[in-house]
All heavy atoms as atom14 arrays in JSON, in Angstrom:
{
  "sequence": "LNGSLTKAEVDYSTLWSKDFQDDFFKGKLTEWLSTGTIAKDNS",
  "atom14_mask": [
    [1, 1, 1, 1, 1, 1, 1, 1, 0, 0, 0, 0, 0, 0],
    [1, 1, 1, 1, 1, 1, 1, 1, 0, 0, 0, 0, 0, 0],
    [1, 1, 1, 1, 0, 0, 0, 0, 0, 0, 0, 0, 0, 0],
    [1, 1, 1, 1, 1, 1, 0, 0, 0, 0, 0, 0, 0, 0],
    [1, 1, 1, 1, 1, 1, 1, 1, 0, 0, 0, 0, 0, 0],
    [1, 1, 1, 1, 1, 1, 1, 0, 0, 0, 0, 0, 0, 0],
    [1, 1, 1, 1, 1, 1, 1, 1, 1, 0, 0, 0, 0, 0],
    [1, 1, 1, 1, 1, 0, 0, 0, 0, 0, 0, 0, 0, 0],
    [1, 1, 1, 1, 1, 1, 1, 1, 1, 0, 0, 0, 0, 0],
    [1, 1, 1, 1, 1, 1, 1, 0, 0, 0, 0, 0, 0, 0],
    [1, 1, 1, 1, 1, 1, 1, 1, 0, 0, 0, 0, 0, 0],
    [1, 1, 1, 1, 1, 1, 1, 1, 1, 1, 1, 1, 0, 0],
    [1, 1, 1, 1, 1, 1, 0, 0, 0, 0, 0, 0, 0, 0],
    [1, 1, 1, 1, 1, 1, 1, 0, 0, 0, 0, 0, 0, 0],
    [1, 1, 1, 1, 1, 1, 1, 1, 0, 0, 0, 0, 0, 0],
    [1, 1, 1, 1, 1, 1, 1, 1, 1, 1, 1, 1, 1, 1],
    [1, 1, 1, 1, 1, 1, 0, 0, 0, 0, 0, 0, 0, 0],
    [1, 1, 1, 1, 1, 1, 1, 1, 1, 0, 0, 0, 0, 0],
    [1, 1, 1, 1, 1, 1, 1, 1, 0, 0, 0, 0, 0, 0],
    [1, 1, 1, 1, 1, 1, 1, 1, 1, 1, 1, 0, 0, 0],
    [1, 1, 1, 1, 1, 1, 1, 1, 1, 0, 0, 0, 0, 0],
    [1, 1, 1, 1, 1, 1, 1, 1, 0, 0, 0, 0, 0, 0],
    [1, 1, 1, 1, 1, 1, 1, 1, 0, 0, 0, 0, 0, 0],
    [1, 1, 1, 1, 1, 1, 1, 1, 1, 1, 1, 0, 0, 0],
    [1, 1, 1, 1, 1, 1, 1, 1, 1, 1, 1, 0, 0, 0],
    [1, 1, 1, 1, 1, 1, 1, 1, 1, 0, 0, 0, 0, 0],
    [1, 1, 1, 1, 0, 0, 0, 0, 0, 0, 0, 0, 0, 0],
    [1, 1, 1, 1, 1, 1, 1, 1, 1, 0, 0, 0, 0, 0],
    [1, 1, 1, 1, 1, 1, 1, 1, 0, 0, 0, 0, 0, 0],
    [1, 1, 1, 1, 1, 1, 1, 0, 0, 0, 0, 0, 0, 0],
    [1, 1, 1, 1, 1, 1, 1, 1, 1, 0, 0, 0, 0, 0],
    [1, 1, 1, 1, 1, 1, 1, 1, 1, 1, 1, 1, 1, 1],
    [1, 1, 1, 1, 1, 1, 1, 1, 0, 0, 0, 0, 0, 0],
    [1, 1, 1, 1, 1, 1, 0, 0, 0, 0, 0, 0, 0, 0],
    [1, 1, 1, 1, 1, 1, 1, 0, 0, 0, 0, 0, 0, 0],
    [1, 1, 1, 1, 0, 0, 0, 0, 0, 0, 0, 0, 0, 0],
    [1, 1, 1, 1, 1, 1, 1, 0, 0, 0, 0, 0, 0, 0],
    [1, 1, 1, 1, 1, 1, 1, 1, 0, 0, 0, 0, 0, 0],
    [1, 1, 1, 1, 1, 0, 0, 0, 0, 0, 0, 0, 0, 0],
    [1, 1, 1, 1, 1, 1, 1, 1, 1, 0, 0, 0, 0, 0],
    [1, 1, 1, 1, 1, 1, 1, 1, 0, 0, 0, 0, 0, 0],
    [1, 1, 1, 1, 1, 1, 1, 1, 0, 0, 0, 0, 0, 0],
    [1, 1, 1, 1, 1, 1, 0, 0, 0, 0, 0, 0, 0, 0]
  ],
  "atom14_positions": [
    [[-11.24, -6.7, 2.69], [-10.69, -6.08, 3.89], [-10.52, -4.57, 3.65], [-10.85, -3.73, 4.54], [-9.38, -6.71, 4.26], [-8.65, -6.08, 5.5], [-9.48, -6.26, 6.74], [-7.27, -6.81, 5.71], [0.0, 0.0, 0.0], [0.0, 0.0, 0.0], [0.0, 0.0, 0.0], [0.0, 0.0, 0.0], [0.0, 0.0, 0.0], [0.0, 0.0, 0.0]],
    [[-10.02, -4.16, 2.49], [-9.82, -2.74, 2.2], [-11.12, -2.04, 2.21], [-11.21, -0.9, 2.81], [-9.17, -2.56, 0.8], [-7.72, -3.05, 0.81], [-7.17, -3.41, 1.9], [-7.06, -3.1, -0.33], [0.0, 0.0, 0.0], [0.0, 0.0, 0.0], [0.0, 0.0, 0.0], [0.0, 0.0, 0.0], [0.0, 0.0, 0.0], [0.0, 0.0, 0.0]],
    [[-12.12, -2.54, 1.61], [-13.45, -1.88, 1.66], [-14.09, -1.78, 2.97], [-14.68, -0.75, 3.37], [0.0, 0.0, 0.0], [0.0, 0.0, 0.0], [0.0, 0.0, 0.0], [0.0, 0.0, 0.0], [0.0, 0.0, 0.0], [0.0, 0.0, 0.0], [0.0, 0.0, 0.0], [0.0, 0.0, 0.0], [0.0, 0.0, 0.0], [0.0, 0.0, 0.0]],
    [[-13.82, -2.76, 3.82], [-14.31, -2.77, 5.2], [-13.57, -1.75, 6.03], [-14.15, -0.98, 6.86], [-14.19, -4.18, 5.81], [-15.03, -5.1, 5.14], [0.0, 0.0, 0.0], [0.0, 0.0, 0.0], [0.0, 0.0, 0.0], [0.0, 0.0, 0.0], [0.0, 0.0, 0.0], [0.0, 0.0, 0.0], [0.0, 0.0, 0.0], [0.0, 0.0, 0.0]],
    [[-12.22, -1.67, 5.85], [-11.44, -0.65, 6.66], [-11.83, 0.73, 6.19], [-11.92, 1.69, 6.98], [-9.99, -0.87, 6.39], [-9.33, -2.1, 7.03], [-7.93, -2.29, 6.54], [-9.39, -2.14, 8.52], [0.0, 0.0, 0.0], [0.0, 0.0, 0.0], [0.0, 0.0, 0.0], [0.0, 0.0, 0.0], [0.0, 0.0, 0.0], [0.0, 0.0, 0.0]],
    [[-12.13, 0.87, 4.94], [-12.52, 2.24, 4.45], [-13.9, 2.65, 5.12], [-13.98, 3.78, 5.53], [-12.75, 2.21, 2.87], [-11.43, 1.94, 2.26], [-13.27, 3.56, 2.39], [0.0, 0.0, 0.0], [0.0, 0.0, 0.0], [0.0, 0.0, 0.0], [0.0, 0.0, 0.0], [0.0, 0.0, 0.0], [0.0, 0.0, 0.0], [0.0, 0.0, 0.0]],
    [[-14.81, 1.69, 5.14], [-16.08, 1.96, 5.77], [-15.9, 2.25, 7.24], [-16.58, 3.17, 7.79], [-17.0, 0.82, 5.6], [-18.42, 0.96, 6.3], [-19.24, -0.31, 6.27], [-20.45, -0.15, 7.13], [-21.22, -1.47, 7.22], [0.0, 0.0, 0.0], [0.0, 0.0, 0.0], [0.0, 0.0, 0.0], [0.0, 0.0, 0.0], [0.0, 0.0, 0.0]],
    [[-14.93, 1.59, 7.87], [-14.78, 1.76, 9.33], [-13.92, 2.96, 9.63], [-13.6, 3.26, 10.84], [-14.06, 0.43, 9.89], [0.0, 0.0, 0.0], [0.0, 0.0, 0.0], [0.0, 0.0, 0.0], [0.0, 0.0, 0.0], [0.0, 0.0, 0.0], [0.0, 0.0, 0.0], [0.0, 0.0, 0.0], [0.0, 0.0, 0.0], [0.0, 0.0, 0.0]],
    [[-13.46, 3.7, 8.64], [-12.62, 4.91, 8.72], [-11.35, 4.58, 9.43], [-10.81, 5.33, 10.26], [-13.4, 5.99, 9.41], [-14.68, 6.36, 8.66], [-15.45, 7.52, 9.3], [-14.88, 8.23, 10.12], [-16.57, 7.69, 8.97], [0.0, 0.0, 0.0], [0.0, 0.0, 0.0], [0.0, 0.0, 0.0], [0.0, 0.0, 0.0], [0.0, 0.0, 0.0]],
    [[-10.7, 3.45, 9.0], [-9.41, 3.06, 9.51], [-8.35, 3.36, 8.45], [-8.53, 2.88, 7.3], [-9.37, 1.59, 9.9], [-7.89, 1.13, 10.26], [-10.33, 1.19, 10.98], [0.0, 0.0, 0.0], [0.0, 0.0, 0.0], [0.0, 0.0, 0.0], [0.0, 0.0, 0.0], [0.0, 0.0, 0.0], [0.0, 0.0, 0.0], [0.0, 0.0, 0.0]],
    [[-7.3, 4.1, 8.79], [-6.26, 4.43, 7.83], [-5.43, 3.19, 7.55], [-5.06, 2.44, 8.46], [-5.37, 5.48, 8.29], [-6.12, 6.88, 8.37], [-7.0, 7.07, 7.59], [-5.78, 7.75, 9.21], [0.0, 0.0, 0.0], [0.0, 0.0, 0.0], [0.0, 0.0, 0.0], [0.0, 0.0, 0.0], [0.0, 0.0, 0.0], [0.0, 0.0, 0.0]],
    [[-5.14, 2.89, 6.22], [-4.34, 1.75, 5.84], [-3.72, 2.07, 4.51], [-4.11, 2.93, 3.78], [-5.2, 0.53, 5.8], [-6.21, 0.63, 4.57], [-5.97, 0.02, 3.38], [-7.45, 1.19, 4.78], [-6.86, 0.09, 2.29], [-8.39, 1.27, 3.75], [-8.04, 0.77, 2.53], [-8.99, 0.82, 1.47], [0.0, 0.0, 0.0], [0.0, 0.0, 0.0]],
    [[-2.69, 1.26, 4.23], [-2.09, 1.27, 2.88], [-2.25, -0.14, 2.33], [-2.53, -1.08, 3.11], [-0.6, 1.61, 2.91], [-0.46, 2.93, 3.44], [0.0, 0.0, 0.0], [0.0, 0.0, 0.0], [0.0, 0.0, 0.0], [0.0, 0.0, 0.0], [0.0, 0.0, 0.0], [0.0, 0.0, 0.0], [0.0, 0.0, 0.0], [0.0, 0.0, 0.0]],
    [[-2.09, -0.31, 1.03], [-2.31, -1.63, 0.47], [-1.27, -1.9, -0.67], [-0.88, -1.03, -1.38], [-3.71, -1.72, -0.14], [-4.01, -3.04, -0.48], [-4.02, -0.77, -1.26], [0.0, 0.0, 0.0], [0.0, 0.0, 0.0], [0.0, 0.0, 0.0], [0.0, 0.0, 0.0], [0.0, 0.0, 0.0], [0.0, 0.0, 0.0], [0.0, 0.0, 0.0]],
    [[-0.91, -3.22, -0.74], [0.04, -3.67, -1.75], [-0.22, -5.12, -2.15], [-0.89, -5.83, -1.45], [1.54, -3.58, -1.21], [2.28, -2.27, -1.42], [3.67, -2.37, -0.78], [2.48, -1.95, -2.92], [0.0, 0.0, 0.0], [0.0, 0.0, 0.0], [0.0, 0.0, 0.0], [0.0, 0.0, 0.0], [0.0, 0.0, 0.0], [0.0, 0.0, 0.0]],
    [[0.44, -5.53, -3.22], [0.27, -6.88, -3.8], [1.47, -7.19, -4.63], [2.15, -6.29, -5.12], [-1.04, -6.9, -4.73], [-0.99, -5.65, -5.62], [-0.47, -5.54, -6.84], [-1.47, -4.39, -5.31], [-0.56, -4.26, -7.37], [-1.15, -3.54, -6.43], [-2.14, -3.79, -4.2], [-1.5, -2.19, -6.47], [-2.37, -2.4, -4.24], [-2.11, -1.59, -5.35]],
    [[1.74, -8.43, -4.82], [2.96, -8.89, -5.58], [2.85, -10.39, -5.8], [2.26, -11.1, -5.02], [4.23, -8.59, -4.84], [5.35, -9.01, -5.57], [0.0, 0.0, 0.0], [0.0, 0.0, 0.0], [0.0, 0.0, 0.0], [0.0, 0.0, 0.0], [0.0, 0.0, 0.0], [0.0, 0.0, 0.0], [0.0, 0.0, 0.0], [0.0, 0.0, 0.0]],
    [[3.5, -10.76, -6.95], [3.53, -12.22, -7.25], [4.59, -12.89, -6.45], [4.36, -13.99, -5.91], [3.86, -12.36, -8.75], [3.75, -13.85, -9.23], [3.93, -13.89, -10.69], [3.78, -15.32, -11.25], [4.0, -15.43, -12.73], [0.0, 0.0, 0.0], [0.0, 0.0, 0.0], [0.0, 0.0, 0.0], [0.0, 0.0, 0.0], [0.0, 0.0, 0.0]],
    [[5.8, -12.31, -6.25], [6.82, -12.93, -5.48], [7.52, -11.92, -4.56], [8.5, -12.27, -3.84], [7.81, -13.53, -6.39], [8.48, -12.48, -7.37], [8.27, -11.29, -7.16], [9.26, -12.91, -8.26], [0.0, 0.0, 0.0], [0.0, 0.0, 0.0], [0.0, 0.0, 0.0], [0.0, 0.0, 0.0], [0.0, 0.0, 0.0], [0.0, 0.0, 0.0]],
    [[6.95, -10.72, -4.46], [7.48, -9.67, -3.51], [8.87, -9.27, -3.77], [9.66, -8.76, -2.93], [7.38, -10.13, -2.01], [5.97, -10.6, -1.72], [5.6, -11.93, -1.65], [4.91, -9.68, -1.55], [4.3, -12.35, -1.47], [3.64, -10.09, -1.31], [3.29, -11.44, -1.25], [0.0, 0.0, 0.0], [0.0, 0.0, 0.0], [0.0, 0.0, 0.0]],
    [[9.31, -9.47, -5.07], [10.68, -9.04, -5.5], [10.61, -7.99, -6.66], [11.64, -7.55, -7.1], [11.46, -10.31, -5.98], [11.94, -11.22, -4.82], [13.04, -10.49, -3.98], [13.99, -9.95, -4.51], [12.84, -10.61, -2.67], [0.0, 0.0, 0.0], [0.0, 0.0, 0.0], [0.0, 0.0, 0.0], [0.0, 0.0, 0.0], [0.0, 0.0, 0.0]],
    [[9.47, -7.71, -7.16], [9.37, -6.8, -8.28], [9.64, -5.4, -7.84], [9.5, -4.97, -6.66], [7.99, -6.88, -8.96], [6.85, -6.55, -7.98], [6.43, -7.54, -7.33], [6.38, -5.47, -8.0], [0.0, 0.0, 0.0], [0.0, 0.0, 0.0], [0.0, 0.0, 0.0], [0.0, 0.0, 0.0], [0.0, 0.0, 0.0], [0.0, 0.0, 0.0]],
    [[10.05, -4.54, -8.85], [10.43, -3.07, -8.5], [9.28, -2.33, -7.97], [9.48, -1.52, -7.05], [10.95, -2.48, -9.75], [12.28, -3.02, -10.19], [12.97, -3.69, -9.38], [12.63, -2.84, -11.42], [0.0, 0.0, 0.0], [0.0, 0.0, 0.0], [0.0, 0.0, 0.0], [0.0, 0.0, 0.0], [0.0, 0.0, 0.0], [0.0, 0.0, 0.0]],
    [[8.04, -2.56, -8.45], [6.88, -1.74, -8.01], [6.71, -2.07, -6.54], [6.49, -1.14, -5.68], [5.64, -2.13, -8.77], [4.36, -1.53, -8.27], [4.0, -0.24, -8.54], [3.48, -2.24, -7.45], [2.89, 0.35, -8.04], [2.37, -1.69, -6.9], [2.04, -0.42, -7.21], [0.0, 0.0, 0.0], [0.0, 0.0, 0.0], [0.0, 0.0, 0.0]],
    [[6.67, -3.36, -6.18], [6.46, -3.72, -4.76], [7.56, -3.17, -3.82], [7.27, -2.56, -2.8], [6.38, -5.27, -4.58], [6.21, -5.64, -3.17], [5.06, -5.58, -2.5], [7.29, -6.18, -2.47], [4.88, -5.93, -1.22], [7.22, -6.52, -1.13], [5.96, -6.41, -0.51], [0.0, 0.0, 0.0], [0.0, 0.0, 0.0], [0.0, 0.0, 0.0]],
    [[8.81, -3.3, -4.26], [9.89, -2.88, -3.41], [9.87, -1.37, -3.22], [10.22, -0.81, -2.14], [11.2, -3.37, -3.93], [11.46, -4.84, -3.8], [12.9, -5.24, -4.14], [13.19, -6.66, -3.85], [14.61, -7.04, -4.24], [0.0, 0.0, 0.0], [0.0, 0.0, 0.0], [0.0, 0.0, 0.0], [0.0, 0.0, 0.0], [0.0, 0.0, 0.0]],
    [[9.55, -0.63, -4.33], [9.51, 0.77, -4.2], [8.44, 1.29, -3.31], [8.62, 2.15, -2.38], [0.0, 0.0, 0.0], [0.0, 0.0, 0.0], [0.0, 0.0, 0.0], [0.0, 0.0, 0.0], [0.0, 0.0, 0.0], [0.0, 0.0, 0.0], [0.0, 0.0, 0.0], [0.0, 0.0, 0.0], [0.0, 0.0, 0.0], [0.0, 0.0, 0.0]],
    [[7.25, 0.67, -3.31], [6.14, 1.05, -2.49], [6.36, 0.6, -1.05], [5.93, 1.24, -0.08], [4.83, 0.5, -3.03], [4.41, 1.12, -4.35], [4.06, 2.62, -4.25], [3.61, 3.21, -5.48], [3.4, 4.66, -5.34], [0.0, 0.0, 0.0], [0.0, 0.0, 0.0], [0.0, 0.0, 0.0], [0.0, 0.0, 0.0], [0.0, 0.0, 0.0]],
    [[6.99, -0.57, -0.89], [7.31, -1.04, 0.44], [8.29, -0.08, 1.11], [8.12, 0.25, 2.32], [7.87, -2.46, 0.39], [8.25, -3.03, 1.73], [7.03, -3.26, 2.62], [8.98, -4.34, 1.58], [0.0, 0.0, 0.0], [0.0, 0.0, 0.0], [0.0, 0.0, 0.0], [0.0, 0.0, 0.0], [0.0, 0.0, 0.0], [0.0, 0.0, 0.0]],
    [[9.27, 0.33, 0.39], [10.26, 1.38, 0.91], [9.51, 2.63, 1.46], [9.76, 3.18, 2.45], [11.27, 1.81, -0.17], [11.98, 0.55, -0.53], [12.22, 2.78, 0.35], [0.0, 0.0, 0.0], [0.0, 0.0, 0.0], [0.0, 0.0, 0.0], [0.0, 0.0, 0.0], [0.0, 0.0, 0.0], [0.0, 0.0, 0.0], [0.0, 0.0, 0.0]],
    [[8.52, 3.07, 0.55], [7.71, 4.18, 0.91], [6.95, 4.01, 2.21], [6.9, 4.87, 3.1], [6.76, 4.47, -0.23], [6.01, 5.79, -0.12], [5.07, 6.05, -1.25], [5.26, 5.39, -2.35], [4.09, 6.88, -1.17], [0.0, 0.0, 0.0], [0.0, 0.0, 0.0], [0.0, 0.0, 0.0], [0.0, 0.0, 0.0], [0.0, 0.0, 0.0]],
    [[6.38, 2.79, 2.37], [5.56, 2.57, 3.55], [6.49, 2.39, 4.85], [6.13, 2.95, 5.9], [4.77, 1.23, 3.41], [3.9, 0.92, 4.57], [2.77, 1.59, 4.93], [4.07, -0.15, 5.57], [2.21, 0.98, 6.03], [3.03, -0.01, 6.41], [5.05, -1.13, 5.69], [2.86, -0.89, 7.56], [4.94, -1.99, 6.78], [3.85, -1.85, 7.71]],
    [[7.62, 1.75, 4.66], [8.56, 1.6, 5.76], [9.12, 2.95, 6.23], [9.37, 3.19, 7.44], [9.76, 0.68, 5.39], [9.42, -0.75, 5.16], [10.54, -1.5, 4.58], [8.87, -1.42, 6.47], [0.0, 0.0, 0.0], [0.0, 0.0, 0.0], [0.0, 0.0, 0.0], [0.0, 0.0, 0.0], [0.0, 0.0, 0.0], [0.0, 0.0, 0.0]],
    [[9.27, 3.89, 5.25], [9.83, 5.21, 5.57], [8.82, 6.19, 6.2], [9.18, 6.99, 7.04], [10.5, 5.78, 4.29], [11.46, 4.96, 3.8], [0.0, 0.0, 0.0], [0.0, 0.0, 0.0], [0.0, 0.0, 0.0], [0.0, 0.0, 0.0], [0.0, 0.0, 0.0], [0.0, 0.0, 0.0], [0.0, 0.0, 0.0], [0.0, 0.0, 0.0]],
    [[7.59, 6.16, 5.61], [6.59, 7.15, 5.96], [5.33, 6.62, 6.63], [4.57, 7.33, 7.23], [6.13, 7.96, 4.69], [5.41, 7.0, 3.85], [7.32, 8.45, 3.94], [0.0, 0.0, 0.0], [0.0, 0.0, 0.0], [0.0, 0.0, 0.0], [0.0, 0.0, 0.0], [0.0, 0.0, 0.0], [0.0, 0.0, 0.0], [0.0, 0.0, 0.0]],
    [[5.15, 5.33, 6.55], [3.84, 4.7, 7.12], [2.69, 4.85, 6.24], [1.57, 4.46, 6.63], [0.0, 0.0, 0.0], [0.0, 0.0, 0.0], [0.0, 0.0, 0.0], [0.0, 0.0, 0.0], [0.0, 0.0, 0.0], [0.0, 0.0, 0.0], [0.0, 0.0, 0.0], [0.0, 0.0, 0.0], [0.0, 0.0, 0.0], [0.0, 0.0, 0.0]],
    [[2.89, 5.39, 5.04], [1.76, 5.49, 4.05], [2.35, 5.21, 2.64], [3.57, 5.17, 2.42], [1.15, 6.87, 4.04], [2.14, 7.84, 3.64], [0.57, 7.26, 5.36], [0.0, 0.0, 0.0], [0.0, 0.0, 0.0], [0.0, 0.0, 0.0], [0.0, 0.0, 0.0], [0.0, 0.0, 0.0], [0.0, 0.0, 0.0], [0.0, 0.0, 0.0]],
    [[1.39, 4.98, 1.74], [1.77, 4.79, 0.3], [0.85, 5.65, -0.54], [-0.4, 5.6, -0.41], [1.56, 3.27, -0.16], [2.53, 2.37, 0.62], [1.71, 3.1, -1.67], [2.31, 0.91, 0.38], [0.0, 0.0, 0.0], [0.0, 0.0, 0.0], [0.0, 0.0, 0.0], [0.0, 0.0, 0.0], [0.0, 0.0, 0.0], [0.0, 0.0, 0.0]],
    [[1.46, 6.48, -1.34], [0.67, 7.36, -2.2], [0.07, 6.54, -3.35], [0.7, 5.64, -3.88], [1.64, 8.42, -2.8], [0.0, 0.0, 0.0], [0.0, 0.0, 0.0], [0.0, 0.0, 0.0], [0.0, 0.0, 0.0], [0.0, 0.0, 0.0], [0.0, 0.0, 0.0], [0.0, 0.0, 0.0], [0.0, 0.0, 0.0], [0.0, 0.0, 0.0]],
    [[-1.24, 6.84, -3.61], [-1.93, 6.1, -4.66], [-1.89, 6.96, -5.92], [-1.96, 8.15, -5.97], [-3.4, 5.85, -4.32], [-3.61, 4.95, -3.05], [-5.08, 4.85, -2.75], [-5.26, 4.01, -1.51], [-6.71, 3.92, -1.17], [0.0, 0.0, 0.0], [0.0, 0.0, 0.0], [0.0, 0.0, 0.0], [0.0, 0.0, 0.0], [0.0, 0.0, 0.0]],
    [[-1.93, 6.13, -7.07], [-1.96, 6.77, -8.38], [-3.49, 6.81, -8.78], [-3.99, 5.77, -9.22], [-1.15, 6.04, -9.36], [-1.32, 6.56, -10.79], [-1.91, 7.65, -10.95], [-0.74, 5.93, -11.72], [0.0, 0.0, 0.0], [0.0, 0.0, 0.0], [0.0, 0.0, 0.0], [0.0, 0.0, 0.0], [0.0, 0.0, 0.0], [0.0, 0.0, 0.0]],
    [[-4.12, 7.91, -8.58], [-5.56, 8.03, -8.99], [-5.73, 8.96, -10.21], [-6.78, 9.54, -10.38], [-6.31, 8.65, -7.8], [-6.57, 7.62, -6.73], [-6.71, 6.36, -7.02], [-6.69, 8.04, -5.47], [0.0, 0.0, 0.0], [0.0, 0.0, 0.0], [0.0, 0.0, 0.0], [0.0, 0.0, 0.0], [0.0, 0.0, 0.0], [0.0, 0.0, 0.0]],
    [[-4.67, 8.97, -11.06], [-4.75, 9.78, -12.23], [-5.81, 9.26, -13.2], [-6.19, 9.96, -14.14], [-3.43, 9.85, -12.9], [-2.98, 8.55, -13.27], [0.0, 0.0, 0.0], [0.0, 0.0, 0.0], [0.0, 0.0, 0.0], [0.0, 0.0, 0.0], [0.0, 0.0, 0.0], [0.0, 0.0, 0.0], [0.0, 0.0, 0.0], [0.0, 0.0, 0.0]]
  ]
}
């Protein structure tokens, strides 16, 4: 879906989690709820 949205030039954010309780997920979810986007780590 992500690859298809990229090709279709649709803006989206993406997340994943085992149980949706881990710190990484909650932190990124907070970011999305607050700003509508999630910054990616492309370092």
